[in-house]
């Protein structure tokens, strides 16, 4: 088993701002109307590039497809489905993408969900890549899972009692390796977040006995690459988040609606 740990400093996201944004985005989706498959924003502007292909908007079972720019027809290789919609319970979406590459056809299924729009308690994300590329297909796919306990996250970023378990955790499972990740924030003296990422890598199948050797030869380089990737992500976060959190949920919702309309 190989291990990795690195800590970065991030600009904080206020809890009230986050919750107001979740509510505003949910309101935008609920306020969008559908007639004849065509979608219209709450202000009456038509929403190009996406159509309701099946079901009742925006109820569970509703399926949406992007529109091909070439012929104006729905794209059969991409689909967004509403899995659940309950402001007090769970809201969840699924996105499916097909790649018809003749050598390595693949299907990517991503699902994300949130418990309670009114007061978000938990968020989760899963992604599964299936490949039909012959004998090597199982080595071209995998599954990732992330789960965020928002109550524990806000508790960990305060100066009170720290939660017993990591608020954010996930796994990445491949035919040859399984990676477990935990993310724990702590308040920094200047009000920012000190976020520690830990990962454990275990070999699977015939790669299990090879992992210690690979860790001995490449471990230092891999850890350095991982740390550099996290530092780059932190730089990007700190460059964008402070300006973002100065905008209220309604303004962000309006900007998102403008972005959906395209240039």
Protein backbone atom coordinates (compact mmCIF):
# COMPACT_ATOMS: atom_id res chain seq x y z
CA UNK A 1 0.00 0.00 0.00
CA UNK A 2 1.22 3.48 -0.88
CA UNK A 3 0.26 6.70 0.93
CA UNK A 4 0.09 10.37 0.02
CA UNK A 5 -0.64 13.51 2.05
CA UNK A 6 -0.55 17.19 1.22
CA UNK A 7 -2.07 20.38 2.67
CA UNK A 8 -3.12 23.51 0.79
CA UNK A 9 -4.58 26.83 1.92
CA UNK A 10 -7.88 27.86 0.34
CA UNK A 11 -10.10 30.93 0.37
CA UNK A 12 -13.21 30.10 2.45
CA UNK A 13 -16.76 29.72 1.18
CA UNK A 14 -19.35 31.13 3.63
CA UNK A 15 -22.07 28.67 4.54
CA UNK A 16 -24.94 31.13 4.04
CA UNK A 17 -23.60 32.07 0.61
CA UNK A 18 -23.36 28.43 -0.43
CA UNK A 19 -26.88 27.64 0.75
CA UNK A 20 -28.36 30.71 -0.94
CA UNK A 21 -26.68 29.72 -4.22
CA UNK A 22 -28.06 26.18 -4.02
CA UNK A 23 -31.57 27.55 -3.49
CA UNK A 24 -31.21 30.11 -6.30
CA UNK A 25 -29.99 27.52 -8.82
CA UNK A 26 -32.80 25.17 -7.86
CA UNK A 27 -35.29 28.02 -8.32
CA UNK A 28 -33.84 28.69 -11.79
CA UNK A 29 -34.36 25.06 -12.81
CA UNK A 30 -37.88 24.95 -11.39
CA UNK A 31 -38.80 28.26 -13.00
CA UNK A 32 -37.74 27.09 -16.45
CA UNK A 33 -40.75 26.14 -18.56
CA UNK A 34 -41.07 23.47 -21.28
CA UNK A 35 -43.47 23.55 -24.20
CA UNK A 36 -43.23 21.11 -27.06
CA UNK A 37 -39.86 20.02 -25.77
CA UNK A 38 -38.40 23.52 -26.02
CA UNK A 39 -37.19 25.14 -22.80
CA UNK A 40 -37.82 28.73 -21.73
CA UNK A 41 -36.04 30.58 -18.93
CA UNK A 42 -38.12 32.23 -16.15
CA UNK A 43 -37.73 35.63 -17.86
CA UNK A 44 -39.26 34.24 -21.08
CA UNK A 45 -36.07 33.89 -23.12
CA UNK A 46 -35.83 30.60 -25.06
CA UNK A 47 -33.03 28.28 -23.98
CA UNK A 48 -31.17 27.00 -27.06
CA UNK A 49 -28.98 23.94 -27.15
CA UNK A 50 -31.10 21.72 -24.87
CA UNK A 51 -34.49 20.05 -25.35
CA UNK A 52 -36.82 17.97 -23.22
CA UNK A 53 -36.78 14.59 -24.95
CA UNK A 54 -38.92 12.56 -22.55
CA UNK A 55 -41.01 12.94 -19.39
CA UNK A 56 -42.42 15.96 -17.61
CA UNK A 57 -40.19 18.93 -16.80
CA UNK A 58 -38.57 19.00 -14.26
CA UNK A 59 -39.96 15.89 -12.57
CA UNK A 60 -38.10 12.60 -11.94
CA UNK A 61 -37.76 10.68 -15.18
CA UNK A 62 -37.48 13.81 -17.35
CA UNK A 63 -34.71 13.41 -19.93
CA UNK A 64 -32.96 16.20 -21.76
CA UNK A 65 -30.60 16.10 -24.74
CA UNK A 66 -28.28 18.71 -26.22
CA UNK A 67 -28.97 19.87 -29.75
CA UNK A 68 -26.47 19.25 -32.54
CA UNK A 69 -25.31 22.50 -34.07
CA UNK A 70 -24.99 20.88 -37.49
CA UNK A 71 -28.56 19.66 -38.01
CA UNK A 72 -30.49 21.02 -35.02
CA UNK A 73 -31.47 17.50 -33.92
CA UNK A 74 -31.14 16.11 -30.36
CA UNK A 75 -27.82 14.37 -29.74
CA UNK A 76 -28.50 10.67 -29.19
CA UNK A 77 -25.08 10.17 -27.56
CA UNK A 78 -25.73 12.49 -24.59
CA UNK A 79 -28.54 12.54 -22.07
CA UNK A 80 -29.34 14.27 -18.78
CA UNK A 81 -31.98 12.61 -16.57
CA UNK A 82 -33.68 13.89 -13.42
CA UNK A 83 -33.43 11.05 -10.89
CA UNK A 84 -35.05 12.81 -7.92
CA UNK A 85 -36.45 16.26 -7.07
CA UNK A 86 -37.45 17.06 -3.53
CA UNK A 87 -36.47 20.36 -1.90
CA UNK A 88 -36.62 18.79 1.56
CA UNK A 89 -35.31 15.40 0.49
CA UNK A 90 -32.95 14.43 -2.30
CA UNK A 91 -32.38 16.08 -5.65
CA UNK A 92 -30.30 14.06 -8.12
CA UNK A 93 -29.27 14.16 -11.78
CA UNK A 94 -27.62 11.66 -14.10
CA UNK A 95 -25.55 12.48 -17.18
CA UNK A 96 -24.76 9.75 -19.72
CA UNK A 97 -22.30 10.18 -22.57
CA UNK A 98 -21.52 7.64 -25.30
CA UNK A 99 -18.31 7.55 -27.30
CA UNK A 100 -18.69 5.56 -30.51
CA UNK A 101 -14.97 5.21 -31.20
CA UNK A 102 -14.74 2.01 -33.31
CA UNK A 103 -11.64 0.81 -31.46
CA UNK A 104 -12.70 1.64 -27.91
CA UNK A 105 -16.44 2.41 -27.63
CA UNK A 106 -17.22 3.71 -24.16
CA UNK A 107 -20.09 4.87 -21.97
CA UNK A 108 -19.61 7.37 -19.14
CA UNK A 109 -22.33 7.61 -16.49
CA UNK A 110 -22.13 10.44 -13.94
CA UNK A 111 -24.66 11.04 -11.19
CA UNK A 112 -24.72 13.80 -8.60
CA UNK A 113 -27.10 14.45 -5.77
CA UNK A 114 -27.85 16.76 -2.87
CA UNK A 115 -29.84 16.13 0.28
CA UNK A 116 -32.14 19.04 1.18
CA UNK A 117 -32.11 22.17 -0.95
CA UNK A 118 -33.53 24.21 1.93
CA UNK A 119 -30.57 23.36 4.18
CA UNK A 120 -28.03 21.18 2.33
CA UNK A 121 -26.74 18.34 4.47
CA UNK A 122 -24.96 15.99 2.08
CA UNK A 123 -23.74 15.93 -1.53
CA UNK A 124 -22.48 12.99 -3.56
CA UNK A 125 -21.01 12.23 -6.95
CA UNK A 126 -20.41 8.96 -8.80
CA UNK A 127 -18.81 8.36 -12.18
CA UNK A 128 -18.49 5.04 -13.98
CA UNK A 129 -16.69 4.46 -17.27
CA UNK A 130 -17.65 1.33 -19.18
CA UNK A 131 -15.66 0.19 -22.17
CA UNK A 132 -16.48 -2.45 -24.77
CA UNK A 133 -13.03 -2.66 -26.30
CA UNK A 134 -12.55 -6.43 -26.21
CA UNK A 135 -10.34 -8.31 -23.75
CA UNK A 136 -8.73 -5.14 -22.41
CA UNK A 137 -12.06 -3.41 -21.76
CA UNK A 138 -11.93 -3.85 -17.98
CA UNK A 139 -8.59 -2.05 -17.87
CA UNK A 140 -10.02 0.98 -19.68
CA UNK A 141 -12.88 1.60 -17.24
CA UNK A 142 -13.40 2.27 -13.58
CA UNK A 143 -15.62 3.84 -10.95
CA UNK A 144 -15.20 6.93 -8.78
CA UNK A 145 -17.29 7.96 -5.80
CA UNK A 146 -17.27 11.09 -3.64
CA UNK A 147 -19.43 11.96 -0.65
CA UNK A 148 -19.44 15.27 1.21
CA UNK A 149 -21.03 15.65 4.63
CA UNK A 150 -21.75 19.37 4.66
CA UNK A 151 -22.59 19.47 8.35
CA UNK A 152 -19.19 18.00 9.23
CA UNK A 153 -17.47 20.30 6.73
CA UNK A 154 -18.89 23.47 8.28
CA UNK A 155 -18.10 22.08 11.74
CA UNK A 156 -14.50 21.35 10.75
CA UNK A 157 -13.97 24.83 9.30
CA UNK A 158 -15.15 26.52 12.50
CA UNK A 159 -13.11 26.98 15.66
CA UNK A 160 -15.29 24.61 17.65
CA UNK A 161 -15.14 20.87 18.08
CA UNK A 162 -13.73 18.96 15.12
CA UNK A 163 -15.74 16.04 13.67
CA UNK A 164 -14.50 12.51 14.32
CA UNK A 165 -14.66 11.54 10.61
CA UNK A 166 -13.41 13.27 7.49
CA UNK A 167 -16.27 15.31 5.97
CA UNK A 168 -15.21 14.51 2.40
CA UNK A 169 -14.19 11.05 1.25
CA UNK A 170 -14.08 9.03 -1.90
CA UNK A 171 -12.76 6.03 -3.76
CA UNK A 172 -11.45 5.35 -7.24
CA UNK A 173 -11.68 1.70 -8.27
CA UNK A 174 -9.89 0.24 -11.27
CA UNK A 175 -9.20 -3.37 -12.22
CA UNK A 176 -5.60 -2.97 -11.00
CA UNK A 177 -5.79 -0.38 -8.25
CA UNK A 178 -8.07 1.10 -5.60
CA UNK A 179 -7.50 4.61 -4.25
CA UNK A 180 -9.16 5.88 -1.06
CA UNK A 181 -9.15 9.63 -0.42
CA UNK A 182 -10.12 11.76 2.57
CA UNK A 183 -10.23 15.56 2.74
CA UNK A 184 -10.23 17.42 6.05
CA UNK A 185 -10.40 21.24 6.39
CA UNK A 186 -9.20 23.22 9.38
CA UNK A 187 -9.54 26.96 10.06
CA UNK A 188 -6.32 28.92 9.48
CA UNK A 189 -5.44 31.88 11.75
CA UNK A 190 -6.19 34.34 8.92
CA UNK A 191 -9.68 32.95 8.32
CA UNK A 192 -8.84 30.81 5.32
CA UNK A 193 -9.05 27.02 5.20
CA UNK A 194 -6.12 24.65 5.63
CA UNK A 195 -7.25 21.58 3.69
CA UNK A 196 -5.40 18.28 4.04
CA UNK A 197 -5.79 15.61 1.38
CA UNK A 198 -4.79 12.03 2.20
CA UNK A 199 -4.77 9.10 -0.21
CA UNK A 200 -4.12 5.38 0.16
CA UNK A 201 -3.37 3.31 -2.92
CA UNK A 202 -3.79 -0.45 -2.92
CA UNK A 203 -2.95 -2.81 -5.78
CA UNK A 204 -5.53 -5.27 -7.07
CA UNK A 205 -5.30 -8.52 -9.01
CA UNK A 206 -1.81 -9.18 -10.37
CA UNK A 207 -0.79 -5.56 -9.64
CA UNK A 208 -0.99 -6.11 -5.87
CA UNK A 209 2.55 -7.51 -5.43
CA UNK A 210 3.92 -4.97 -7.93
CA UNK A 211 2.67 -1.87 -6.11
CA UNK A 212 5.40 -1.83 -3.39
CA UNK A 213 8.06 -2.00 -6.10
CA UNK A 214 6.41 0.77 -8.11
CA UNK A 215 6.09 2.90 -4.95
CA UNK A 216 9.80 2.42 -4.17
CA UNK A 217 10.88 3.42 -7.68
CA UNK A 218 8.33 6.09 -8.57
CA UNK A 219 6.87 7.05 -5.19
CA UNK A 220 8.77 10.27 -4.67
CA UNK A 221 8.09 11.49 -8.19
CA UNK A 222 4.40 10.57 -7.93
CA UNK A 223 4.01 12.34 -4.58
CA UNK A 224 5.69 15.45 -5.98
CA UNK A 225 3.39 15.40 -9.01
CA UNK A 226 0.35 15.02 -6.75
CA UNK A 227 1.45 17.90 -4.53
CA UNK A 228 2.07 20.14 -7.55
CA UNK A 229 -1.36 19.30 -8.96
CA UNK A 230 -3.03 20.25 -5.67
CA UNK A 231 -1.05 23.49 -5.48
CA UNK A 232 -2.14 24.43 -9.01
CA UNK A 233 -5.76 23.69 -8.08
CA UNK A 234 -5.39 25.86 -4.96
CA UNK A 235 -4.00 28.75 -7.01
CA UNK A 236 -6.97 28.54 -9.38
CA UNK A 237 -9.43 28.32 -6.46
CA UNK A 238 -7.91 31.31 -4.67
CA UNK A 239 -7.91 33.35 -7.88
CA UNK A 240 -11.65 32.85 -8.50
CA UNK A 241 -13.50 32.14 -5.25
CA UNK A 242 -13.05 35.49 -3.41
CA UNK A 243 -14.72 37.40 -6.25
CA UNK A 244 -17.35 34.69 -6.62
CA UNK A 245 -18.53 34.77 -3.01
CA UNK A 246 -19.05 38.53 -3.20
CA UNK A 247 -21.96 37.85 -5.57
CA UNK A 248 -25.31 36.82 -4.13
CA UNK A 249 -27.26 33.77 -5.26
CA UNK A 250 -29.66 35.75 -7.47
CA UNK A 251 -26.82 37.43 -9.35
CA UNK A 252 -25.07 34.11 -9.92
CA UNK A 253 -28.34 32.61 -11.12
CA UNK A 254 -28.77 35.47 -13.59
CA UNK A 255 -25.20 35.06 -14.85
CA UNK A 256 -25.74 31.33 -15.28
CA UNK A 257 -28.90 32.00 -17.29
CA UNK A 258 -26.96 34.39 -19.54
CA UNK A 259 -24.21 31.79 -19.97
CA UNK A 260 -26.75 29.14 -20.98
CA UNK A 261 -27.91 31.40 -23.79
CA UNK A 262 -24.44 31.38 -25.28
CA UNK A 263 -22.58 34.27 -26.92
